[in-house]
Amino acid sequence: MWRRLGRILPHSSEQRRAFVLGGLAAAAVASPLFVMAYRTFARSQAGLVDSLVDLGVVRSPEVEAVMRAIDRAHFTDQPELAYMDAPLGIGHAATISAPHMHAYALELLLDRLRPGAKALDVGSGTGYLTAAFAKLVCREGAPGKAIGIEHIPQLTRKALANLAKDPSLVQLMEEDRLELVVGDGRRGWPAEAPYDAIHVGAAAPRVPSDLVDQLAPGGRLVVPVGPEGGLQSLAVVDKAGDGTVRKRNLMSGRRSLAVVAGNPGSGGPFAPLVIVTRNIMGTKEFNQFRGKMISLHSQVIKDFCKQLGADTKQVQGLIRLAKKNGEKLGFLA
């Protein structure tokens, strides 16, 4: 089996990129209700951002710069997994979102995160995205401000400790350009309203009306909407200058598939390793993508990673995370 796999997998970085993205396209055609998550392995913040740029998730120079400037390792207790494009637990049944989700949010809100703007991050968790908002709205010394609101006090205290690891973020807090507060984010933070940009990290059953009310004319709200653990959509709400509101859905089926590309280091941003996680898919549809699933016991993982030059510990770490979230996994031959 391993020799056969070695013969069919591409070797150059461009071929590997086509292999991974080609698999994504095939899966999207086979199951249009599912959203793909690009999971890449890297050994540094720069390597992580390089992969997101190469995938086209990070598109603008501003988002690229701010994601390079804020080290994700400062915001997790699992530094060995910090540069993997996957959500990580932070305690209290909460997570820090996968980097590609942070990138999506930043790109969606970038036009509203102009210098001097005001932003609200609801469910701020570790403080990572709030910090990114602050750096963007305070570009060029502009008097912008970003506020993160979190309903779990322990997470807010931990987030403040995370921010304290970066002197530039400490300076923004001292200048009252970056603030973390404890409260019910569904009700927003009226004391600093209106906001040019509002981001909500956790899904709501419907678009929170209080947040729409706190949008400034020309402002934008991004919020996942749908039942917890079920199908969700990413809602984008824009408020026009005359106060009228327009809502559209950009993504659906948040709990679905994840495609993982390993990073072998000098060989380029992609290794020919693809893992597909199955959540709400049926077995028949899952097995139709490519060939048969390979057993996932630890020795198989080690042998597979050794042949492909992938980082075994990182792959096993991702599998543990997926299993913890109740996902079923399989290698595609």
C-alpha atoms as a PDB file:
ATOM      1  CA  MET A   1       0.000   0.000   0.000  1.00  0.00           C
ATOM      2  CA  TRP A   2       2.731   2.458   0.998  1.00  0.00           C
ATOM      3  CA  ARG A   3       4.740   1.925  -2.181  1.00  0.00           C
ATOM      4  CA  ARG A   4       1.630   2.445  -4.287  1.00  0.00           C
ATOM      5  CA  LEU A   5       0.887   5.663  -2.446  1.00  0.00           C
ATOM      6  CA  GLY A   6       4.423   6.872  -2.952  1.00  0.00           C
ATOM      7  CA  ARG A   7       4.179   6.332  -6.703  1.00  0.00           C
ATOM      8  CA  ILE A   8       0.889   8.217  -7.183  1.00  0.00           C
ATOM      9  CA  LEU A   9       1.633  11.253  -5.039  1.00  0.00           C
ATOM     10  CA  PRO A  10       3.294  14.286  -6.691  1.00  0.00           C
ATOM     11  CA  HIS A  11       6.690  15.570  -5.647  1.00  0.00           C
ATOM     12  CA  SER A  12       7.116  19.237  -6.629  1.00  0.00           C
ATOM     13  CA  SER A  13       5.509  21.972  -4.511  1.00  0.00           C
ATOM     14  CA  GLU A  14       3.383  23.148  -7.441  1.00  0.00           C
ATOM     15  CA  GLN A  15       2.213  19.595  -8.179  1.00  0.00           C
ATOM     16  CA  ARG A  16       1.421  19.060  -4.518  1.00  0.00           C
ATOM     17  CA  ARG A  17      -0.560  22.285  -4.460  1.00  0.00           C
ATOM     18  CA  ALA A  18      -2.554  21.128  -7.480  1.00  0.00           C
ATOM     19  CA  PHE A  19      -3.062  17.731  -5.855  1.00  0.00           C
ATOM     20  CA  VAL A  20      -4.482  19.248  -2.666  1.00  0.00           C
ATOM     21  CA  LEU A  21      -6.613  21.901  -4.363  1.00  0.00           C
ATOM     22  CA  GLY A  22      -7.793  19.429  -6.982  1.00  0.00           C
ATOM     23  CA  GLY A  23      -9.064  17.202  -4.210  1.00  0.00           C
ATOM     24  CA  LEU A  24     -10.867  20.176  -2.705  1.00  0.00           C
ATOM     25  CA  ALA A  25     -12.565  20.957  -5.992  1.00  0.00           C
ATOM     26  CA  ALA A  26     -13.679  17.369  -6.466  1.00  0.00           C
ATOM     27  CA  ALA A  27     -15.104  17.242  -2.963  1.00  0.00           C
ATOM     28  CA  ALA A  28     -16.926  20.542  -3.444  1.00  0.00           C
ATOM     29  CA  VAL A  29     -18.584  19.214  -6.603  1.00  0.00           C
ATOM     30  CA  ALA A  30     -19.529  15.947  -4.923  1.00  0.00           C
ATOM     31  CA  SER A  31     -21.027  17.657  -1.882  1.00  0.00           C
ATOM     32  CA  PRO A  32     -21.874  21.343  -2.457  1.00  0.00           C
ATOM     33  CA  LEU A  33     -23.388  21.763   1.008  1.00  0.00           C
ATOM     34  CA  PHE A  34     -20.039  21.371   2.723  1.00  0.00           C
ATOM     35  CA  VAL A  35     -17.419  24.014   3.414  1.00  0.00           C
ATOM     36  CA  MET A  36     -13.740  23.155   3.166  1.00  0.00           C
ATOM     37  CA  ALA A  37     -11.264  24.078   5.867  1.00  0.00           C
ATOM     38  CA  TYR A  38      -7.655  24.299   4.760  1.00  0.00           C
ATOM     39  CA  ARG A  39      -5.425  22.816   7.460  1.00  0.00           C
ATOM     40  CA  THR A  40      -1.708  23.359   7.038  1.00  0.00           C
ATOM     41  CA  PHE A  41       1.255  22.577   9.253  1.00  0.00           C
ATOM     42  CA  ALA A  42       4.052  25.077   9.818  1.00  0.00           C
ATOM     43  CA  ARG A  43       6.885  25.589  12.272  1.00  0.00           C
ATOM     44  CA  SER A  44       6.528  29.361  12.682  1.00  0.00           C
ATOM     45  CA  GLN A  45       4.019  32.173  12.360  1.00  0.00           C
ATOM     46  CA  ALA A  46       5.693  33.191   9.109  1.00  0.00           C
ATOM     47  CA  GLY A  47       5.325  29.673   7.710  1.00  0.00           C
ATOM     48  CA  LEU A  48       1.667  29.552   8.718  1.00  0.00           C
ATOM     49  CA  VAL A  49       0.904  32.846   6.998  1.00  0.00           C
ATOM     50  CA  ASP A  50       2.909  31.787   3.938  1.00  0.00           C
ATOM     51  CA  SER A  51       0.612  28.778   3.577  1.00  0.00           C
ATOM     52  CA  LEU A  52      -2.550  30.868   3.991  1.00  0.00           C
ATOM     53  CA  VAL A  53      -1.297  33.317   1.380  1.00  0.00           C
ATOM     54  CA  ASP A  54      -0.458  30.488  -1.003  1.00  0.00           C
ATOM     55  CA  LEU A  55      -3.939  29.021  -0.530  1.00  0.00           C
ATOM     56  CA  GLY A  56      -5.533  32.374  -1.314  1.00  0.00           C
ATOM     57  CA  VAL A  57      -7.187  32.654   2.113  1.00  0.00           C
ATOM     58  CA  VAL A  58      -5.069  35.705   2.959  1.00  0.00           C
ATOM     59  CA  ARG A  59      -5.429  38.062  -0.004  1.00  0.00           C
ATOM     60  CA  SER A  60      -4.631  41.606   1.125  1.00  0.00           C
ATOM     61  CA  PRO A  61      -1.254  43.030   2.195  1.00  0.00           C
ATOM     62  CA  GLU A  62      -2.881  44.506   5.312  1.00  0.00           C
ATOM     63  CA  VAL A  63      -4.220  41.182   6.575  1.00  0.00           C
ATOM     64  CA  GLU A  64      -0.961  39.444   5.727  1.00  0.00           C
ATOM     65  CA  ALA A  65       1.025  42.041   7.656  1.00  0.00           C
ATOM     66  CA  VAL A  66      -1.140  41.939  10.768  1.00  0.00           C
ATOM     67  CA  MET A  67      -1.188  38.134  10.895  1.00  0.00           C
ATOM     68  CA  ARG A  68       2.594  38.056  10.579  1.00  0.00           C
ATOM     69  CA  ALA A  69       2.880  40.613  13.370  1.00  0.00           C
ATOM     70  CA  ILE A  70       0.867  38.678  15.987  1.00  0.00           C
ATOM     71  CA  ASP A  71       2.372  35.358  17.080  1.00  0.00           C
ATOM     72  CA  ARG A  72      -0.335  32.728  17.629  1.00  0.00           C
ATOM     73  CA  ALA A  73       1.970  30.889  20.048  1.00  0.00           C
ATOM     74  CA  HIS A  74       1.343  33.713  22.549  1.00  0.00           C
ATOM     75  CA  PHE A  75      -2.353  32.828  22.593  1.00  0.00           C
ATOM     76  CA  THR A  76      -2.353  29.077  23.283  1.00  0.00           C
ATOM     77  CA  ASP A  77      -1.109  26.692  25.963  1.00  0.00           C
ATOM     78  CA  GLN A  78      -0.197  24.216  23.212  1.00  0.00           C
ATOM     79  CA  PRO A  79       2.825  25.854  21.525  1.00  0.00           C
ATOM     80  CA  GLU A  80       3.662  22.661  19.622  1.00  0.00           C
ATOM     81  CA  LEU A  81       0.323  23.052  17.781  1.00  0.00           C
ATOM     82  CA  ALA A  82       0.262  26.846  17.538  1.00  0.00           C
ATOM     83  CA  TYR A  83       1.121  26.979  13.832  1.00  0.00           C
ATOM     84  CA  MET A  84      -1.306  24.304  12.734  1.00  0.00           C
ATOM     85  CA  ASP A  85      -4.386  25.604  10.948  1.00  0.00           C
ATOM     86  CA  ALA A  86      -6.870  24.124  13.395  1.00  0.00           C
ATOM     87  CA  PRO A  87      -8.895  25.363  16.369  1.00  0.00           C
ATOM     88  CA  LEU A  88      -7.313  24.720  19.755  1.00  0.00           C
ATOM     89  CA  GLY A  89      -8.981  24.356  23.125  1.00  0.00           C
ATOM     90  CA  ILE A  90      -8.461  27.198  25.605  1.00  0.00           C
ATOM     91  CA  GLY A  91     -10.563  25.871  28.468  1.00  0.00           C
ATOM     92  CA  HIS A  92     -14.152  26.483  29.554  1.00  0.00           C
ATOM     93  CA  ALA A  93     -15.439  24.648  26.452  1.00  0.00           C
ATOM     94  CA  ALA A  94     -14.010  27.413  24.263  1.00  0.00           C
ATOM     95  CA  THR A  95     -11.431  27.455  21.456  1.00  0.00           C
ATOM     96  CA  ILE A  96      -9.153  29.801  19.593  1.00  0.00           C
ATOM     97  CA  SER A  97     -10.400  29.677  16.011  1.00  0.00           C
ATOM     98  CA  ALA A  98      -8.342  28.164  13.214  1.00  0.00           C
ATOM     99  CA  PRO A  99      -6.072  30.760  11.563  1.00  0.00           C
ATOM    100  CA  HIS A 100      -7.923  30.481   8.252  1.00  0.00           C
ATOM    101  CA  MET A 101     -11.118  31.583  10.057  1.00  0.00           C
ATOM    102  CA  HIS A 102      -9.300  34.580  11.525  1.00  0.00           C
ATOM    103  CA  ALA A 103      -8.079  35.407   8.024  1.00  0.00           C
ATOM    104  CA  TYR A 104     -11.599  35.141   6.573  1.00  0.00           C
ATOM    105  CA  ALA A 105     -12.954  37.491   9.240  1.00  0.00           C
ATOM    106  CA  LEU A 106     -10.177  40.031   8.728  1.00  0.00           C
ATOM    107  CA  GLU A 107     -10.605  40.023   4.954  1.00  0.00           C
ATOM    108  CA  LEU A 108     -14.397  40.397   5.251  1.00  0.00           C
ATOM    109  CA  LEU A 109     -14.061  43.344   7.617  1.00  0.00           C
ATOM    110  CA  LEU A 110     -10.928  44.963   6.183  1.00  0.00           C
ATOM    111  CA  ASP A 111     -12.715  47.857   4.449  1.00  0.00           C
ATOM    112  CA  ARG A 112     -14.345  48.726   7.776  1.00  0.00           C
ATOM    113  CA  LEU A 113     -11.123  48.313   9.767  1.00  0.00           C
ATOM    114  CA  ARG A 114      -9.678  51.476   8.269  1.00  0.00           C
ATOM    115  CA  PRO A 115      -7.332  53.703  10.317  1.00  0.00           C
ATOM    116  CA  GLY A 116      -9.312  55.515  12.991  1.00  0.00           C
ATOM    117  CA  ALA A 117     -12.251  53.082  12.959  1.00  0.00           C
ATOM    118  CA  LYS A 118     -13.813  51.380  15.963  1.00  0.00           C
ATOM    119  CA  ALA A 119     -14.264  47.586  16.150  1.00  0.00           C
ATOM    120  CA  LEU A 120     -16.021  45.176  18.516  1.00  0.00           C
ATOM    121  CA  ASP A 121     -15.012  41.512  18.854  1.00  0.00           C
ATOM    122  CA  VAL A 122     -17.796  39.498  20.534  1.00  0.00           C
ATOM    123  CA  GLY A 123     -16.587  36.334  22.232  1.00  0.00           C
ATOM    124  CA  SER A 124     -13.011  37.573  22.213  1.00  0.00           C
ATOM    125  CA  GLY A 125     -11.604  34.449  23.906  1.00  0.00           C
ATOM    126  CA  THR A 126      -7.812  34.551  23.729  1.00  0.00           C
ATOM    127  CA  GLY A 127      -7.755  38.150  22.441  1.00  0.00           C
ATOM    128  CA  TYR A 128      -6.002  37.250  19.172  1.00  0.00           C
ATOM    129  CA  LEU A 129      -8.549  38.698  16.763  1.00  0.00           C
ATOM    130  CA  THR A 130      -9.178  41.731  18.972  1.00  0.00           C
ATOM    131  CA  ALA A 131      -5.455  42.441  18.845  1.00  0.00           C
ATOM    132  CA  ALA A 132      -5.494  42.162  15.050  1.00  0.00           C
ATOM    133  CA  PHE A 133      -8.423  44.582  14.879  1.00  0.00           C
ATOM    134  CA  ALA A 134      -6.545  47.045  17.090  1.00  0.00           C
ATOM    135  CA  LYS A 135      -3.426  46.966  14.943  1.00  0.00           C
ATOM    136  CA  LEU A 136      -5.470  47.579  11.792  1.00  0.00           C
ATOM    137  CA  VAL A 137      -7.556  50.482  13.103  1.00  0.00           C
ATOM    138  CA  CYS A 138      -4.488  52.100  14.673  1.00  0.00           C
ATOM    139  CA  ARG A 139      -2.337  51.973  11.541  1.00  0.00           C
ATOM    140  CA  GLU A 140      -0.284  55.069  10.846  1.00  0.00           C
ATOM    141  CA  GLY A 141      -0.871  56.279  14.401  1.00  0.00           C
ATOM    142  CA  ALA A 142      -4.608  56.707  13.826  1.00  0.00           C
ATOM    143  CA  PRO A 143      -6.850  57.036  16.926  1.00  0.00           C
ATOM    144  CA  GLY A 144      -8.851  53.850  16.321  1.00  0.00           C
ATOM    145  CA  LYS A 145      -9.978  51.411  18.991  1.00  0.00           C
ATOM    146  CA  ALA A 146     -10.788  47.694  19.263  1.00  0.00           C
ATOM    147  CA  ILE A 147     -12.821  46.228  22.109  1.00  0.00           C
ATOM    148  CA  GLY A 148     -13.106  42.531  22.915  1.00  0.00           C
ATOM    149  CA  ILE A 149     -16.046  41.353  25.011  1.00  0.00           C
ATOM    150  CA  GLU A 150     -16.091  37.928  26.639  1.00  0.00           C
ATOM    151  CA  HIS A 151     -18.637  36.537  29.112  1.00  0.00           C
ATOM    152  CA  ILE A 152     -16.165  34.221  30.901  1.00  0.00           C
ATOM    153  CA  PRO A 153     -13.990  36.285  33.301  1.00  0.00           C
ATOM    154  CA  GLN A 154     -11.267  33.631  33.476  1.00  0.00           C
ATOM    155  CA  LEU A 155     -10.775  33.788  29.716  1.00  0.00           C
ATOM    156  CA  THR A 156     -10.546  37.581  29.811  1.00  0.00           C
ATOM    157  CA  ARG A 157      -7.851  37.415  32.489  1.00  0.00           C
ATOM    158  CA  LYS A 158      -5.957  34.860  30.422  1.00  0.00           C
ATOM    159  CA  ALA A 159      -6.353  36.993  27.289  1.00  0.00           C
ATOM    160  CA  LEU A 160      -4.861  39.982  29.086  1.00  0.00           C
ATOM    161  CA  ALA A 161      -1.865  37.821  29.975  1.00  0.00           C
ATOM    162  CA  ASN A 162      -1.583  36.791  26.315  1.00  0.00           C
ATOM    163  CA  LEU A 163      -1.585  40.411  25.142  1.00  0.00           C
ATOM    164  CA  ALA A 164       1.047  41.297  27.736  1.00  0.00           C
ATOM    165  CA  LYS A 165       3.571  39.067  25.890  1.00  0.00           C
ATOM    166  CA  ASP A 166       3.722  41.574  23.003  1.00  0.00           C
ATOM    167  CA  PRO A 167       5.063  45.071  23.847  1.00  0.00           C
ATOM    168  CA  SER A 168       3.261  46.639  20.883  1.00  0.00           C
ATOM    169  CA  LEU A 169      -0.068  45.331  22.184  1.00  0.00           C
ATOM    170  CA  VAL A 170       0.736  46.512  25.698  1.00  0.00           C
ATOM    171  CA  GLN A 171       1.305  49.988  24.281  1.00  0.00           C
ATOM    172  CA  LEU A 172      -2.073  49.917  22.524  1.00  0.00           C
ATOM    173  CA  MET A 173      -3.756  48.969  25.813  1.00  0.00           C
ATOM    174  CA  GLU A 174      -1.949  51.750  27.660  1.00  0.00           C
ATOM    175  CA  GLU A 175      -3.133  54.233  25.031  1.00  0.00           C
ATOM    176  CA  ASP A 176      -6.745  52.979  25.379  1.00  0.00           C
ATOM    177  CA  ARG A 177      -6.698  51.707  21.791  1.00  0.00           C
ATOM    178  CA  LEU A 178      -7.179  48.061  22.801  1.00  0.00           C
ATOM    179  CA  GLU A 179      -9.534  47.007  25.598  1.00  0.00           C
ATOM    180  CA  LEU A 180     -10.966  43.720  26.884  1.00  0.00           C
ATOM    181  CA  VAL A 181     -14.191  43.718  28.912  1.00  0.00           C
ATOM    182  CA  VAL A 182     -16.401  41.108  30.561  1.00  0.00           C
ATOM    183  CA  GLY A 183     -20.055  41.037  29.574  1.00  0.00           C
ATOM    184  CA  ASP A 184     -22.855  39.489  27.542  1.00  0.00           C
ATOM    185  CA  GLY A 185     -21.623  40.003  24.005  1.00  0.00           C
ATOM    186  CA  ARG A 186     -25.034  39.312  22.520  1.00  0.00           C
ATOM    187  CA  ARG A 187     -26.020  42.734  23.841  1.00  0.00           C
ATOM    188  CA  GLY A 188     -22.879  44.344  22.457  1.00  0.00           C
ATOM    189  CA  TRP A 189     -21.043  47.070  24.342  1.00  0.00           C
ATOM    190  CA  PRO A 190     -23.178  50.241  24.135  1.00  0.00           C
ATOM    191  CA  ALA A 191     -20.650  52.367  26.039  1.00  0.00           C
ATOM    192  CA  GLU A 192     -18.364  52.546  22.987  1.00  0.00           C
ATOM    193  CA  ALA A 193     -20.967  52.287  20.204  1.00  0.00           C
ATOM    194  CA  PRO A 194     -21.354  52.803  17.304  1.00  0.00           C
ATOM    195  CA  TYR A 195     -18.904  50.421  15.649  1.00  0.00           C
ATOM    196  CA  ASP A 196     -17.590  50.314  12.106  1.00  0.00           C
ATOM    197  CA  ALA A 197     -16.891  46.584  12.386  1.00  0.00           C
ATOM    198  CA  ILE A 198     -18.398  43.896  14.628  1.00  0.00           C
ATOM    199  CA  HIS A 199     -17.253  40.284  14.654  1.00  0.00           C
ATOM    200  CA  VAL A 200     -18.964  37.447  16.544  1.00  0.00           C
ATOM    201  CA  GLY A 201     -16.973  34.303  17.181  1.00  0.00           C
ATOM    202  CA  ALA A 202     -19.676  31.902  18.383  1.00  0.00           C
ATOM    203  CA  ALA A 203     -22.842  30.971  16.509  1.00  0.00           C
ATOM    204  CA  ALA A 204     -26.090  32.680  17.423  1.00  0.00           C
ATOM    205  CA  PRO A 205     -29.554  31.242  16.669  1.00  0.00           C
ATOM    206  CA  ARG A 206     -30.320  34.471  14.800  1.00  0.00           C
ATOM    207  CA  VAL A 207     -28.583  37.768  14.019  1.00  0.00           C
ATOM    208  CA  PRO A 208     -28.493  39.676  17.353  1.00  0.00           C
ATOM    209  CA  SER A 209     -30.578  42.855  16.942  1.00  0.00           C
ATOM    210  CA  ASP A 210     -28.575  44.725  19.600  1.00  0.00           C
ATOM    211  CA  LEU A 211     -25.426  44.303  17.522  1.00  0.00           C
ATOM    212  CA  VAL A 212     -27.156  45.551  14.385  1.00  0.00           C
ATOM    213  CA  ASP A 213     -28.351  48.588  16.347  1.00  0.00           C
ATOM    214  CA  GLN A 214     -24.767  49.313  17.431  1.00  0.00           C
ATOM    215  CA  LEU A 215     -23.410  49.315  13.886  1.00  0.00           C
ATOM    216  CA  ALA A 216     -22.372  52.723  12.608  1.00  0.00           C
ATOM    217  CA  PRO A 217     -23.720  53.873   9.222  1.00  0.00           C
ATOM    218  CA  GLY A 218     -21.518  52.096   6.693  1.00  0.00           C
ATOM    219  CA  GLY A 219     -20.606  49.456   9.281  1.00  0.00           C
ATOM    220  CA  ARG A 220     -20.473  45.683   8.901  1.00  0.00           C
ATOM    221  CA  LEU A 221     -21.341  42.785  11.215  1.00  0.00           C
ATOM    222  CA  VAL A 222     -20.038  39.236  10.640  1.00  0.00           C
ATOM    223  CA  VAL A 223     -21.720  36.479  12.661  1.00  0.00           C
ATOM    224  CA  PRO A 224     -22.185  32.697  12.296  1.00  0.00           C
ATOM    225  CA  VAL A 225     -25.908  31.873  12.557  1.00  0.00           C
ATOM    226  CA  GLY A 226     -27.534  28.524  13.252  1.00  0.00           C
ATOM    227  CA  PRO A 227     -28.078  25.889  15.955  1.00  0.00           C
ATOM    228  CA  GLU A 228     -25.133  24.789  18.069  1.00  0.00           C
ATOM    229  CA  GLY A 229     -23.655  21.628  16.582  1.00  0.00           C
ATOM    230  CA  GLY A 230     -25.820  21.873  13.474  1.00  0.00           C
ATOM    231  CA  LEU A 231     -25.671  23.487  10.064  1.00  0.00           C
ATOM    232  CA  GLN A 232     -24.659  27.122  10.276  1.00  0.00           C
ATOM    233  CA  SER A 233     -24.190  29.989   7.852  1.00  0.00           C
ATOM    234  CA  LEU A 234     -21.853  32.954   8.042  1.00  0.00           C
ATOM    235  CA  ALA A 235     -24.055  36.043   7.931  1.00  0.00           C
ATOM    236  CA  VAL A 236     -22.737  39.409   6.785  1.00  0.00           C
ATOM    237  CA  VAL A 237     -24.877  42.407   7.761  1.00  0.00           C
ATOM    238  CA  ASP A 238     -24.158  45.813   6.218  1.00  0.00           C
ATOM    239  CA  LYS A 239     -25.753  49.045   7.418  1.00  0.00           C
ATOM    240  CA  ALA A 240     -26.074  51.755   4.756  1.00  0.00           C
ATOM    241  CA  GLY A 241     -25.591  55.450   5.368  1.00  0.00           C
ATOM    242  CA  ASP A 242     -29.370  55.944   5.645  1.00  0.00           C
ATOM    243  CA  GLY A 243     -29.634  53.213   8.296  1.00  0.00           C
ATOM    244  CA  THR A 244     -31.097  50.511   6.072  1.00  0.00           C
ATOM    245  CA  VAL A 245     -29.737  47.013   6.665  1.00  0.00           C
ATOM    246  CA  ARG A 246     -28.773  44.337   4.140  1.00  0.00           C
ATOM    247  CA  LYS A 247     -28.021  40.737   5.146  1.00  0.00           C
ATOM    248  CA  ARG A 248     -26.416  37.973   3.086  1.00  0.00           C
ATOM    249  CA  ASN A 249     -25.078  34.491   3.832  1.00  0.00           C
ATOM    250  CA  LEU A 250     -21.600  33.604   2.638  1.00  0.00           C
ATOM    251  CA  MET A 251     -20.911  30.111   3.930  1.00  0.00           C
ATOM    252  CA  SER A 252     -22.979  27.141   5.058  1.00  0.00           C
ATOM    253  CA  GLY A 253     -22.358  23.752   6.620  1.00  0.00           C
ATOM    254  CA  ARG A 254     -19.639  24.822   9.016  1.00  0.00           C
ATOM    255  CA  ARG A 255     -19.221  21.350  10.580  1.00  0.00           C
ATOM    256  CA  SER A 256     -18.241  19.364   7.586  1.00  0.00           C
ATOM    257  CA  LEU A 257     -14.964  18.493   5.926  1.00  0.00           C
ATOM    258  CA  ALA A 258     -11.397  19.398   6.720  1.00  0.00           C
ATOM    259  CA  VAL A 259      -8.518  18.811   4.310  1.00  0.00           C
ATOM    260  CA  VAL A 260      -5.065  18.724   5.847  1.00  0.00           C
ATOM    261  CA  ALA A 261      -1.823  19.468   4.018  1.00  0.00           C
ATOM    262  CA  GLY A 262       1.401  18.744   5.885  1.00  0.00           C
ATOM    263  CA  ASN A 263       4.452  20.978   5.735  1.00  0.00           C
ATOM    264  CA  PRO A 264       7.741  19.065   5.289  1.00  0.00           C
ATOM    265  CA  GLY A 265       9.878  22.219   5.591  1.00  0.00           C
ATOM    266  CA  SER A 266      12.343  22.657   2.738  1.00  0.00           C
ATOM    267  CA  GLY A 267      10.089  20.751   0.331  1.00  0.00           C
ATOM    268  CA  GLY A 268       7.629  23.653   0.116  1.00  0.00           C
ATOM    269  CA  PRO A 269       4.400  24.591   1.830  1.00  0.00           C
ATOM    270  CA  PHE A 270       2.606  21.326   0.984  1.00  0.00           C
ATOM    271  CA  ALA A 271       3.263  17.659   1.572  1.00  0.00           C
ATOM    272  CA  PRO A 272       1.207  15.073  -0.301  1.00  0.00           C
ATOM    273  CA  LEU A 273      -0.794  14.169   2.806  1.00  0.00           C
ATOM    274  CA  VAL A 274      -4.551  14.588   2.814  1.00  0.00           C
ATOM    275  CA  ILE A 275      -6.860  13.798   5.698  1.00  0.00           C
ATOM    276  CA  VAL A 276     -10.614  14.175   5.420  1.00  0.00           C
ATOM    277  CA  THR A 277     -12.738  14.401   8.535  1.00  0.00           C
ATOM    278  CA  ARG A 278     -16.296  13.201   8.444  1.00  0.00           C
ATOM    279  CA  ASN A 279     -18.968  14.710  10.656  1.00  0.00           C
ATOM    280  CA  ILE A 280     -22.437  14.904   9.163  1.00  0.00           C
ATOM    281  CA  MET A 281     -21.525  13.072   5.954  1.00  0.00           C
ATOM    282  CA  GLY A 282     -22.759   9.566   5.398  1.00  0.00           C
ATOM    283  CA  THR A 283     -20.285   6.709   5.001  1.00  0.00           C
ATOM    284  CA  LYS A 284     -21.199   6.151   1.356  1.00  0.00           C
ATOM    285  CA  GLU A 285     -20.543   9.771   0.382  1.00  0.00           C
ATOM    286  CA  PHE A 286     -17.370   9.836   2.455  1.00  0.00           C
ATOM    287  CA  ASN A 287     -15.903   6.792   0.717  1.00  0.00           C
ATOM    288  CA  GLN A 288     -16.720   8.067  -2.755  1.00  0.00           C
ATOM    289  CA  PHE A 289     -14.043  10.772  -2.734  1.00  0.00           C
ATOM    290  CA  ARG A 290     -10.906   8.697  -3.401  1.00  0.00           C
ATOM    291  CA  GLY A 291     -10.376   5.015  -2.801  1.00  0.00           C
ATOM    292  CA  LYS A 292     -10.632   3.274   0.534  1.00  0.00           C
ATOM    293  CA  MET A 293      -9.871   4.610   3.977  1.00  0.00           C
ATOM    294  CA  ILE A 294      -6.677   3.460   5.658  1.00  0.00           C
ATOM    295  CA  SER A 295      -6.627   2.327   9.270  1.00  0.00           C
ATOM    296  CA  LEU A 296      -5.724   5.056  11.747  1.00  0.00           C
ATOM    297  CA  HIS A 297      -3.957   3.093  14.524  1.00  0.00           C
ATOM    298  CA  SER A 298      -0.737   4.742  15.642  1.00  0.00           C
ATOM    299  CA  GLN A 299       1.803   2.560  13.797  1.00  0.00           C
ATOM    300  CA  VAL A 300       0.034   3.178  10.495  1.00  0.00           C
ATOM    301  CA  ILE A 301       0.176   6.912  11.174  1.00  0.00           C
ATOM    302  CA  LYS A 302       3.894   6.689  11.924  1.00  0.00           C
ATOM    303  CA  ASP A 303       4.673   4.644   8.817  1.00  0.00           C
ATOM    304  CA  PHE A 304       2.580   6.893   6.593  1.00  0.00           C
ATOM    305  CA  CYS A 305       4.170  10.090   7.909  1.00  0.00           C
ATOM    306  CA  LYS A 306       7.671   8.605   7.670  1.00  0.00           C
ATOM    307  CA  GLN A 307       7.191   7.748   4.009  1.00  0.00           C
ATOM    308  CA  LEU A 308       5.833  11.191   3.161  1.00  0.00           C
ATOM    309  CA  GLY A 309       8.221  13.200   5.335  1.00  0.00           C
ATOM    310  CA  ALA A 310       5.373  14.686   7.374  1.00  0.00           C
ATOM    311  CA  ASP A 311       5.636  15.621  11.054  1.00  0.00           C
ATOM    312  CA  THR A 312       4.158  12.641  12.916  1.00  0.00           C
ATOM    313  CA  LYS A 313       3.527  14.506  16.185  1.00  0.00           C
ATOM    314  CA  GLN A 314       1.663  17.292  14.458  1.00  0.00           C
ATOM    315  CA  VAL A 315      -0.456  14.841  12.459  1.00  0.00           C
ATOM    316  CA  GLN A 316      -1.248  12.844  15.593  1.00  0.00           C
ATOM    317  CA  GLY A 317      -2.053  16.085  17.394  1.00  0.00           C
ATOM    318  CA  LEU A 318      -4.563  17.039  14.746  1.00  0.00           C
ATOM    319  CA  ILE A 319      -6.127  13.587  14.882  1.00  0.00           C
ATOM    320  CA  ARG A 320      -6.469  13.839  18.651  1.00  0.00           C
ATOM    321  CA  LEU A 321      -8.163  17.208  18.269  1.00  0.00           C
ATOM    322  CA  ALA A 322     -10.538  15.861  15.653  1.00  0.00           C
ATOM    323  CA  LYS A 323     -11.420  12.818  17.731  1.00  0.00           C
ATOM    324  CA  LYS A 324     -11.985  15.024  20.757  1.00  0.00           C
ATOM    325  CA  ASN A 325     -14.516  16.959  18.688  1.00  0.00           C
ATOM    326  CA  GLY A 326     -16.278  13.714  17.776  1.00  0.00           C
ATOM    327  CA  GLU A 327     -15.038  13.606  14.191  1.00  0.00           C
ATOM    328  CA  LYS A 328     -14.226  10.409  12.298  1.00  0.00           C
ATOM    329  CA  LEU A 329     -11.129  10.458  10.157  1.00  0.00           C
ATOM    330  CA  GLY A 330      -9.698   8.582   7.211  1.00  0.00           C
ATOM    331  CA  PHE A 331      -6.710   8.807   4.911  1.00  0.00           C
ATOM    332  CA  LEU A 332      -7.525   8.944   1.232  1.00  0.00           C
ATOM    333  CA  ALA A 333      -5.379   6.634  -0.885  1.00  0.00           C
END
